[in-house]
Amino acid sequence: MRQLRKATAEDLPQITELAKETEREMRRKNVHVWRGDYPYCYFAPDISAGRMWVMEGEDGSILAAFSMRETIEGAERINWRYPNKKAMYIERLMVCPFRDRSITSTEVMIRLSRIAVDMGAESLRLLELSGNVPAVRACKLAGFRYAEGDIGTDNDDRCTVRMDCFEMKI
C-alpha cells in the first residue's frame, strides 16, 4: 500500500530524481515552468522545516512529493472562497506516472487533503503557473475551484510569472 509521510534527509536523492523525471515530462508536454535551480533549491529547506511530504510505493520508491505550509507570500491579494478558514498551501507538487502508472495527481491531492485536515485546516490552497494546463486540469479534477486575484512572482529576476490560484474546502 502507498504511504504518505514526511520526507527525511535520506529521501533527498529520490526527491531530486523525481523532480528531474517530472521536469522532463513537463518539457515533453511543452510546459516550461521550472528554471534555474527551482524547485531543487527548496527541497532541503522544506525537509528541514518539516514541510516536505512524500508518497512512497510498496517497494520504497518515492512516487510523489510536495511541500505544505500555512502561509505564502502574496496570499492576501487573492479573493479566496473561504477567507476565514484555516488553510494549508501546497507547493512543488510532483507526480511522475513513469514510476507507477496507477498514480495520479488527483489521487495525491485527495490524500494530502486528509493530512491537511489532521493539521486543522479547513481549506487547501494551491498556486499553479498560468498556462500549465496539465496541472490546472488536475486541480479541477481533484475538486479545487479557481480563486480570483493575482500573484506575480519574479522568475530569475528577468520576468514576472503569473500564478493561477485554486482553493478547495476540506
N, C-alpha and C. Protein backbone atom coordinates (compact mmCIF):
# COMPACT_ATOMS: atom_id res chain seq x y z
N MET A 1 0.84 -1.19 0.00
CA MET A 1 0.00 0.00 0.00
C MET A 1 0.88 1.25 0.00
N ARG A 2 0.44 2.26 -0.69
CA ARG A 2 1.17 3.52 -0.72
C ARG A 2 1.05 4.23 0.61
N GLN A 3 2.16 4.81 1.03
CA GLN A 3 2.21 5.51 2.32
C GLN A 3 2.56 6.97 2.08
N LEU A 4 1.81 7.87 2.69
CA LEU A 4 2.11 9.29 2.65
C LEU A 4 2.77 9.64 3.97
N ARG A 5 3.99 10.21 3.91
CA ARG A 5 4.73 10.51 5.14
C ARG A 5 5.60 11.73 4.92
N LYS A 6 6.08 12.29 6.04
CA LYS A 6 7.01 13.41 5.95
C LYS A 6 8.33 12.92 5.36
N ALA A 7 8.92 13.76 4.55
CA ALA A 7 10.21 13.42 3.93
C ALA A 7 11.33 13.56 4.96
N THR A 8 12.36 12.79 4.75
CA THR A 8 13.57 12.87 5.57
C THR A 8 14.75 13.23 4.67
N ALA A 9 15.85 13.58 5.28
CA ALA A 9 17.05 13.94 4.51
C ALA A 9 17.49 12.77 3.62
N GLU A 10 17.24 11.55 4.05
CA GLU A 10 17.61 10.38 3.26
C GLU A 10 16.80 10.29 1.95
N ASP A 11 15.66 10.96 1.91
CA ASP A 11 14.81 10.93 0.71
C ASP A 11 15.28 11.90 -0.37
N LEU A 12 16.15 12.82 -0.03
CA LEU A 12 16.54 13.89 -0.95
C LEU A 12 17.00 13.39 -2.33
N PRO A 13 17.84 12.35 -2.42
CA PRO A 13 18.23 11.88 -3.76
C PRO A 13 17.04 11.40 -4.60
N GLN A 14 16.11 10.69 -3.96
CA GLN A 14 14.94 10.22 -4.71
C GLN A 14 14.01 11.36 -5.08
N ILE A 15 13.86 12.35 -4.19
CA ILE A 15 13.02 13.51 -4.50
C ILE A 15 13.62 14.28 -5.67
N THR A 16 14.94 14.45 -5.66
CA THR A 16 15.62 15.15 -6.76
C THR A 16 15.43 14.40 -8.07
N GLU A 17 15.54 13.09 -8.05
CA GLU A 17 15.34 12.30 -9.27
C GLU A 17 13.89 12.38 -9.73
N LEU A 18 12.94 12.35 -8.81
CA LEU A 18 11.53 12.51 -9.15
C LEU A 18 11.31 13.86 -9.82
N ALA A 19 11.93 14.91 -9.30
CA ALA A 19 11.79 16.25 -9.88
C ALA A 19 12.37 16.27 -11.29
N LYS A 20 13.49 15.61 -11.51
CA LYS A 20 14.07 15.57 -12.86
C LYS A 20 13.15 14.85 -13.83
N GLU A 21 12.56 13.73 -13.39
CA GLU A 21 11.61 13.00 -14.23
C GLU A 21 10.38 13.86 -14.52
N THR A 22 9.90 14.55 -13.50
CA THR A 22 8.73 15.41 -13.67
C THR A 22 9.04 16.54 -14.63
N GLU A 23 10.21 17.14 -14.49
CA GLU A 23 10.60 18.23 -15.38
C GLU A 23 10.72 17.75 -16.82
N ARG A 24 11.30 16.56 -17.03
CA ARG A 24 11.40 16.02 -18.39
C ARG A 24 10.01 15.82 -19.00
N GLU A 25 9.08 15.31 -18.19
CA GLU A 25 7.71 15.08 -18.67
C GLU A 25 7.02 16.41 -18.99
N MET A 26 7.22 17.41 -18.14
CA MET A 26 6.62 18.73 -18.40
C MET A 26 7.18 19.32 -19.70
N ARG A 27 8.48 19.23 -19.89
CA ARG A 27 9.09 19.77 -21.11
C ARG A 27 8.59 19.02 -22.34
N ARG A 28 8.39 17.71 -22.21
CA ARG A 28 7.85 16.92 -23.32
C ARG A 28 6.47 17.44 -23.72
N LYS A 29 5.71 17.94 -22.73
CA LYS A 29 4.38 18.50 -22.97
C LYS A 29 4.43 20.00 -23.24
N ASN A 30 5.63 20.51 -23.46
CA ASN A 30 5.87 21.93 -23.74
C ASN A 30 5.45 22.84 -22.59
N VAL A 31 5.63 22.37 -21.37
CA VAL A 31 5.37 23.17 -20.17
C VAL A 31 6.74 23.47 -19.56
N HIS A 32 7.17 24.72 -19.68
CA HIS A 32 8.50 25.12 -19.23
C HIS A 32 8.36 26.06 -18.03
N VAL A 33 8.08 25.49 -16.87
CA VAL A 33 7.81 26.32 -15.69
C VAL A 33 8.95 26.32 -14.68
N TRP A 34 9.84 25.36 -14.77
CA TRP A 34 10.96 25.32 -13.82
C TRP A 34 12.20 25.82 -14.53
N ARG A 35 12.87 26.77 -13.89
CA ARG A 35 14.08 27.35 -14.48
C ARG A 35 15.16 27.46 -13.41
N GLY A 36 16.38 27.43 -13.87
CA GLY A 36 17.50 27.58 -12.94
C GLY A 36 17.49 26.48 -11.89
N ASP A 37 17.63 26.88 -10.64
CA ASP A 37 17.67 25.87 -9.58
C ASP A 37 16.31 25.62 -8.94
N TYR A 38 15.25 26.21 -9.50
CA TYR A 38 13.90 25.94 -8.99
C TYR A 38 13.38 24.65 -9.61
N PRO A 39 12.82 23.78 -8.83
CA PRO A 39 12.46 23.81 -7.41
C PRO A 39 13.51 23.18 -6.50
N TYR A 40 14.60 22.72 -7.10
CA TYR A 40 15.60 21.93 -6.37
C TYR A 40 16.15 22.64 -5.13
N CYS A 41 16.30 23.95 -5.22
CA CYS A 41 16.88 24.70 -4.11
C CYS A 41 15.97 24.72 -2.87
N TYR A 42 14.72 24.34 -3.01
CA TYR A 42 13.78 24.35 -1.88
C TYR A 42 13.66 23.01 -1.17
N PHE A 43 14.13 21.94 -1.77
CA PHE A 43 13.90 20.62 -1.19
C PHE A 43 14.51 20.46 0.20
N ALA A 44 15.80 20.74 0.33
CA ALA A 44 16.46 20.56 1.64
C ALA A 44 15.86 21.47 2.71
N PRO A 45 15.62 22.78 2.42
CA PRO A 45 14.98 23.61 3.45
C PRO A 45 13.57 23.12 3.81
N ASP A 46 12.81 22.67 2.81
CA ASP A 46 11.46 22.16 3.11
C ASP A 46 11.52 20.91 3.98
N ILE A 47 12.48 20.04 3.71
CA ILE A 47 12.63 18.83 4.54
C ILE A 47 13.03 19.23 5.96
N SER A 48 14.00 20.11 6.09
CA SER A 48 14.46 20.54 7.42
C SER A 48 13.35 21.19 8.23
N ALA A 49 12.48 21.92 7.56
CA ALA A 49 11.38 22.62 8.24
C ALA A 49 10.17 21.71 8.47
N GLY A 50 10.23 20.47 7.98
CA GLY A 50 9.11 19.54 8.17
C GLY A 50 7.94 19.82 7.24
N ARG A 51 8.19 20.50 6.12
CA ARG A 51 7.12 20.84 5.18
C ARG A 51 7.01 19.90 3.99
N MET A 52 8.03 19.10 3.74
CA MET A 52 8.04 18.23 2.56
C MET A 52 7.45 16.87 2.91
N TRP A 53 6.58 16.39 2.04
CA TRP A 53 5.93 15.09 2.19
C TRP A 53 6.22 14.25 0.96
N VAL A 54 6.21 12.94 1.13
CA VAL A 54 6.39 12.02 0.00
C VAL A 54 5.33 10.94 0.05
N MET A 55 4.98 10.44 -1.13
CA MET A 55 4.17 9.24 -1.22
C MET A 55 5.10 8.12 -1.65
N GLU A 56 5.16 7.12 -0.81
CA GLU A 56 6.10 6.02 -1.01
C GLU A 56 5.34 4.79 -1.50
N GLY A 57 5.89 4.14 -2.50
CA GLY A 57 5.31 2.91 -3.01
C GLY A 57 5.66 1.72 -2.12
N GLU A 58 5.06 0.59 -2.42
CA GLU A 58 5.32 -0.63 -1.63
C GLU A 58 6.79 -1.03 -1.64
N ASP A 59 7.48 -0.70 -2.73
CA ASP A 59 8.89 -1.05 -2.84
C ASP A 59 9.83 -0.01 -2.25
N GLY A 60 9.27 1.04 -1.63
CA GLY A 60 10.09 2.09 -1.02
C GLY A 60 10.44 3.23 -1.94
N SER A 61 10.04 3.13 -3.21
CA SER A 61 10.34 4.22 -4.14
C SER A 61 9.39 5.39 -3.89
N ILE A 62 9.86 6.58 -4.14
CA ILE A 62 9.04 7.78 -3.96
C ILE A 62 8.29 8.04 -5.26
N LEU A 63 6.96 8.05 -5.15
CA LEU A 63 6.09 8.20 -6.31
C LEU A 63 5.61 9.64 -6.49
N ALA A 64 5.60 10.40 -5.40
CA ALA A 64 5.13 11.78 -5.44
C ALA A 64 5.75 12.53 -4.28
N ALA A 65 5.82 13.85 -4.41
CA ALA A 65 6.33 14.69 -3.33
C ALA A 65 5.68 16.06 -3.42
N PHE A 66 5.57 16.73 -2.30
CA PHE A 66 5.02 18.08 -2.26
C PHE A 66 5.41 18.72 -0.94
N SER A 67 5.30 20.05 -0.91
CA SER A 67 5.50 20.81 0.32
C SER A 67 4.15 21.38 0.73
N MET A 68 3.95 21.48 2.04
CA MET A 68 2.71 22.03 2.56
C MET A 68 3.06 22.99 3.69
N ARG A 69 2.46 24.20 3.64
CA ARG A 69 2.73 25.21 4.66
C ARG A 69 1.47 25.99 4.97
N GLU A 70 1.52 26.78 6.05
CA GLU A 70 0.35 27.54 6.49
C GLU A 70 0.23 28.91 5.83
N THR A 71 1.30 29.45 5.30
CA THR A 71 1.25 30.78 4.68
C THR A 71 2.12 30.82 3.44
N ILE A 72 1.80 31.77 2.57
CA ILE A 72 2.67 32.06 1.43
C ILE A 72 2.65 33.56 1.19
N GLU A 73 3.70 34.06 0.63
CA GLU A 73 3.78 35.49 0.33
C GLU A 73 2.77 35.86 -0.76
N GLY A 74 2.04 36.93 -0.54
CA GLY A 74 1.09 37.42 -1.52
C GLY A 74 -0.32 36.87 -1.39
N ALA A 75 -0.55 35.97 -0.46
CA ALA A 75 -1.86 35.34 -0.32
C ALA A 75 -2.96 36.35 -0.02
N GLU A 76 -2.60 37.46 0.60
CA GLU A 76 -3.61 38.46 0.96
C GLU A 76 -4.18 39.17 -0.27
N ARG A 77 -3.55 39.03 -1.42
CA ARG A 77 -4.04 39.67 -2.64
C ARG A 77 -5.07 38.82 -3.39
N ILE A 78 -5.38 37.66 -2.85
CA ILE A 78 -6.30 36.75 -3.52
C ILE A 78 -7.67 36.80 -2.84
N ASN A 79 -8.71 36.76 -3.65
CA ASN A 79 -10.07 36.71 -3.14
C ASN A 79 -10.43 35.23 -2.92
N TRP A 80 -9.97 34.69 -1.80
CA TRP A 80 -10.19 33.28 -1.51
C TRP A 80 -11.67 33.00 -1.27
N ARG A 81 -12.11 31.85 -1.64
CA ARG A 81 -13.51 31.45 -1.45
C ARG A 81 -13.84 31.28 0.03
N TYR A 82 -12.88 30.87 0.82
CA TYR A 82 -13.08 30.63 2.25
C TYR A 82 -12.05 31.44 3.04
N PRO A 83 -12.17 32.76 3.03
CA PRO A 83 -11.12 33.60 3.61
C PRO A 83 -10.96 33.46 5.13
N ASN A 84 -11.98 33.03 5.81
CA ASN A 84 -11.92 32.93 7.27
C ASN A 84 -11.61 31.53 7.77
N LYS A 85 -11.28 30.66 6.89
CA LYS A 85 -10.97 29.27 7.25
C LYS A 85 -9.45 29.10 7.33
N LYS A 86 -9.02 28.23 8.24
CA LYS A 86 -7.59 27.91 8.30
C LYS A 86 -7.23 27.14 7.03
N ALA A 87 -6.20 27.59 6.36
CA ALA A 87 -5.80 26.98 5.08
C ALA A 87 -4.39 26.44 5.15
N MET A 88 -4.15 25.46 4.32
CA MET A 88 -2.80 24.94 4.08
C MET A 88 -2.52 25.16 2.59
N TYR A 89 -1.28 25.55 2.27
CA TYR A 89 -0.86 25.83 0.91
C TYR A 89 0.03 24.70 0.42
N ILE A 90 -0.27 24.23 -0.78
CA ILE A 90 0.52 23.16 -1.41
C ILE A 90 1.48 23.80 -2.39
N GLU A 91 2.73 23.39 -2.31
CA GLU A 91 3.76 23.89 -3.23
C GLU A 91 4.57 22.71 -3.77
N ARG A 92 5.13 22.90 -4.93
CA ARG A 92 6.06 21.95 -5.54
C ARG A 92 5.51 20.52 -5.61
N LEU A 93 4.26 20.39 -6.02
CA LEU A 93 3.65 19.07 -6.17
C LEU A 93 4.27 18.37 -7.37
N MET A 94 4.82 17.19 -7.13
CA MET A 94 5.46 16.42 -8.20
C MET A 94 4.90 15.01 -8.20
N VAL A 95 4.35 14.62 -9.32
CA VAL A 95 3.85 13.26 -9.50
C VAL A 95 4.32 12.83 -10.87
N CYS A 96 5.02 11.73 -10.93
CA CYS A 96 5.52 11.26 -12.21
C CYS A 96 5.02 9.83 -12.44
N PRO A 97 4.06 9.66 -13.37
CA PRO A 97 3.46 8.34 -13.56
C PRO A 97 4.41 7.30 -14.13
N PHE A 98 5.60 7.69 -14.57
CA PHE A 98 6.53 6.69 -15.08
C PHE A 98 6.93 5.70 -13.99
N ARG A 99 6.87 6.12 -12.75
CA ARG A 99 7.25 5.24 -11.65
C ARG A 99 6.16 4.24 -11.31
N ASP A 100 4.91 4.65 -11.50
CA ASP A 100 3.76 3.79 -11.22
C ASP A 100 2.60 4.34 -12.03
N ARG A 101 2.22 3.63 -13.07
CA ARG A 101 1.18 4.12 -13.98
C ARG A 101 -0.17 4.33 -13.30
N SER A 102 -0.39 3.72 -12.14
CA SER A 102 -1.69 3.84 -11.49
C SER A 102 -1.81 5.10 -10.63
N ILE A 103 -0.71 5.81 -10.41
CA ILE A 103 -0.77 7.00 -9.55
C ILE A 103 -1.15 8.23 -10.39
N THR A 104 -1.98 9.09 -9.79
CA THR A 104 -2.39 10.32 -10.47
C THR A 104 -2.22 11.50 -9.53
N SER A 105 -2.10 12.68 -10.11
CA SER A 105 -2.02 13.90 -9.30
C SER A 105 -3.29 14.07 -8.47
N THR A 106 -4.43 13.71 -9.06
CA THR A 106 -5.70 13.84 -8.35
C THR A 106 -5.69 12.97 -7.09
N GLU A 107 -5.23 11.74 -7.20
CA GLU A 107 -5.16 10.85 -6.03
C GLU A 107 -4.27 11.44 -4.94
N VAL A 108 -3.12 11.97 -5.35
CA VAL A 108 -2.20 12.57 -4.38
C VAL A 108 -2.86 13.76 -3.69
N MET A 109 -3.54 14.62 -4.46
CA MET A 109 -4.20 15.79 -3.87
C MET A 109 -5.29 15.38 -2.87
N ILE A 110 -6.03 14.36 -3.21
CA ILE A 110 -7.08 13.89 -2.30
C ILE A 110 -6.46 13.34 -1.02
N ARG A 111 -5.39 12.58 -1.17
CA ARG A 111 -4.73 12.01 0.02
C ARG A 111 -4.08 13.09 0.87
N LEU A 112 -3.46 14.08 0.23
CA LEU A 112 -2.81 15.13 1.02
C LEU A 112 -3.84 16.01 1.72
N SER A 113 -5.05 16.09 1.18
CA SER A 113 -6.10 16.87 1.85
C SER A 113 -6.45 16.25 3.20
N ARG A 114 -6.36 14.94 3.31
CA ARG A 114 -6.61 14.27 4.60
C ARG A 114 -5.55 14.67 5.64
N ILE A 115 -4.32 14.80 5.20
CA ILE A 115 -3.26 15.24 6.10
C ILE A 115 -3.53 16.67 6.56
N ALA A 116 -3.94 17.53 5.62
CA ALA A 116 -4.23 18.92 5.96
C ALA A 116 -5.36 19.01 6.99
N VAL A 117 -6.37 18.16 6.86
CA VAL A 117 -7.46 18.13 7.85
C VAL A 117 -6.90 17.74 9.21
N ASP A 118 -6.04 16.75 9.24
CA ASP A 118 -5.41 16.32 10.51
C ASP A 118 -4.59 17.46 11.13
N MET A 119 -4.12 18.39 10.29
CA MET A 119 -3.34 19.53 10.78
C MET A 119 -4.25 20.71 11.14
N GLY A 120 -5.56 20.51 11.07
CA GLY A 120 -6.51 21.54 11.47
C GLY A 120 -6.98 22.44 10.36
N ALA A 121 -6.61 22.15 9.13
CA ALA A 121 -7.01 23.01 8.01
C ALA A 121 -8.46 22.74 7.62
N GLU A 122 -9.08 23.81 7.12
CA GLU A 122 -10.44 23.70 6.61
C GLU A 122 -10.49 23.93 5.11
N SER A 123 -9.40 24.44 4.56
CA SER A 123 -9.31 24.59 3.10
C SER A 123 -7.87 24.33 2.67
N LEU A 124 -7.77 23.96 1.42
CA LEU A 124 -6.48 23.67 0.81
C LEU A 124 -6.31 24.64 -0.35
N ARG A 125 -5.14 25.26 -0.45
CA ARG A 125 -4.88 26.24 -1.49
C ARG A 125 -3.65 25.84 -2.29
N LEU A 126 -3.71 26.12 -3.57
CA LEU A 126 -2.64 25.72 -4.46
C LEU A 126 -2.47 26.80 -5.52
N LEU A 127 -1.24 27.18 -5.79
CA LEU A 127 -0.94 28.14 -6.85
C LEU A 127 -0.23 27.40 -7.97
N GLU A 128 -0.65 27.67 -9.18
CA GLU A 128 -0.06 26.98 -10.32
C GLU A 128 0.24 28.02 -11.39
N LEU A 129 1.34 27.83 -12.08
CA LEU A 129 1.73 28.75 -13.13
C LEU A 129 0.65 28.80 -14.20
N SER A 130 0.23 29.99 -14.55
CA SER A 130 -0.74 30.16 -15.63
C SER A 130 -0.18 29.49 -16.88
N GLY A 131 -0.98 28.71 -17.51
CA GLY A 131 -0.54 28.02 -18.72
C GLY A 131 -0.08 26.60 -18.50
N ASN A 132 0.05 26.16 -17.26
CA ASN A 132 0.42 24.77 -17.00
C ASN A 132 -0.87 23.94 -17.06
N VAL A 133 -1.30 23.65 -18.27
CA VAL A 133 -2.60 23.03 -18.50
C VAL A 133 -2.75 21.70 -17.76
N PRO A 134 -1.77 20.78 -17.78
CA PRO A 134 -1.97 19.52 -17.06
C PRO A 134 -2.19 19.72 -15.55
N ALA A 135 -1.46 20.65 -14.95
CA ALA A 135 -1.61 20.88 -13.51
C ALA A 135 -2.95 21.53 -13.19
N VAL A 136 -3.37 22.47 -14.02
CA VAL A 136 -4.67 23.12 -13.81
C VAL A 136 -5.78 22.08 -13.94
N ARG A 137 -5.69 21.20 -14.92
CA ARG A 137 -6.68 20.13 -15.10
C ARG A 137 -6.72 19.23 -13.86
N ALA A 138 -5.57 18.87 -13.32
CA ALA A 138 -5.52 18.02 -12.13
C ALA A 138 -6.17 18.71 -10.93
N CYS A 139 -5.94 20.03 -10.80
CA CYS A 139 -6.58 20.79 -9.71
C CYS A 139 -8.09 20.69 -9.80
N LYS A 140 -8.61 20.90 -10.98
CA LYS A 140 -10.06 20.88 -11.17
C LYS A 140 -10.62 19.48 -10.93
N LEU A 141 -9.93 18.46 -11.40
CA LEU A 141 -10.39 17.09 -11.18
C LEU A 141 -10.42 16.72 -9.70
N ALA A 142 -9.50 17.28 -8.94
CA ALA A 142 -9.44 16.99 -7.51
C ALA A 142 -10.47 17.78 -6.70
N GLY A 143 -11.17 18.71 -7.35
CA GLY A 143 -12.19 19.48 -6.65
C GLY A 143 -11.81 20.89 -6.28
N PHE A 144 -10.66 21.35 -6.73
CA PHE A 144 -10.25 22.73 -6.48
C PHE A 144 -11.05 23.67 -7.37
N ARG A 145 -11.33 24.86 -6.87
CA ARG A 145 -12.04 25.89 -7.63
C ARG A 145 -11.12 27.09 -7.77
N TYR A 146 -11.26 27.80 -8.87
CA TYR A 146 -10.45 28.97 -9.15
C TYR A 146 -10.77 30.09 -8.16
N ALA A 147 -9.74 30.79 -7.68
CA ALA A 147 -9.90 31.94 -6.79
C ALA A 147 -9.38 33.17 -7.53
N GLU A 148 -10.16 34.23 -7.52
CA GLU A 148 -9.80 35.46 -8.22
C GLU A 148 -8.64 36.17 -7.52
N GLY A 149 -7.78 36.75 -8.30
CA GLY A 149 -6.67 37.52 -7.76
C GLY A 149 -5.43 37.30 -8.59
N ASP A 150 -4.37 37.93 -8.20
CA ASP A 150 -3.15 37.86 -8.99
C ASP A 150 -1.95 37.81 -8.07
N ILE A 151 -1.20 36.75 -8.21
CA ILE A 151 0.09 36.68 -7.53
C ILE A 151 1.12 36.59 -8.63
N GLY A 152 1.92 37.61 -8.77
CA GLY A 152 3.02 37.59 -9.72
C GLY A 152 4.30 37.40 -8.94
N THR A 153 5.15 36.52 -9.41
CA THR A 153 6.42 36.30 -8.73
C THR A 153 7.56 36.48 -9.71
N ASP A 154 8.68 36.97 -9.22
CA ASP A 154 9.84 37.14 -10.07
C ASP A 154 10.47 35.79 -10.34
N ASN A 155 10.80 35.56 -11.58
CA ASN A 155 11.41 34.32 -12.01
C ASN A 155 12.81 34.65 -12.51
N ASP A 156 13.80 34.32 -11.72
CA ASP A 156 15.20 34.57 -12.09
C ASP A 156 15.47 36.05 -12.33
N ASP A 157 14.72 36.93 -11.70
CA ASP A 157 14.90 38.37 -11.82
C ASP A 157 14.80 38.90 -13.25
N ARG A 158 14.29 38.11 -14.17
CA ARG A 158 14.18 38.55 -15.55
C ARG A 158 12.75 38.88 -15.96
N CYS A 159 11.78 38.22 -15.36
CA CYS A 159 10.40 38.45 -15.75
C CYS A 159 9.48 38.10 -14.58
N THR A 160 8.25 38.51 -14.72
CA THR A 160 7.26 38.17 -13.71
C THR A 160 6.36 37.09 -14.28
N VAL A 161 6.14 36.05 -13.51
CA VAL A 161 5.23 34.99 -13.94
C VAL A 161 3.93 35.12 -13.17
N ARG A 162 2.84 34.76 -13.79
CA ARG A 162 1.52 34.84 -13.19
C ARG A 162 1.10 33.47 -12.69
N MET A 163 0.52 33.48 -11.51
CA MET A 163 0.08 32.24 -10.89
C MET A 163 -1.44 32.21 -10.83
N ASP A 164 -2.03 31.09 -11.23
CA ASP A 164 -3.46 30.85 -11.03
C ASP A 164 -3.62 30.29 -9.64
N CYS A 165 -4.67 30.73 -8.94
CA CYS A 165 -4.88 30.33 -7.55
C CYS A 165 -6.12 29.45 -7.46
N PHE A 166 -6.02 28.37 -6.70
CA PHE A 166 -7.11 27.43 -6.54
C PHE A 166 -7.32 27.14 -5.07
N GLU A 167 -8.57 26.83 -4.72
CA GLU A 167 -8.88 26.53 -3.32
C GLU A 167 -9.95 25.44 -3.30
N MET A 168 -9.88 24.63 -2.26
CA MET A 168 -10.85 23.57 -2.04
C MET A 168 -11.18 23.50 -0.56
N LYS A 169 -12.47 23.47 -0.25
CA LYS A 169 -12.88 23.28 1.15
C LYS A 169 -12.72 21.79 1.46
N ILE A 170 -12.11 21.54 2.63
CA ILE A 170 -11.87 20.14 3.00
C ILE A 170 -12.56 19.80 4.32
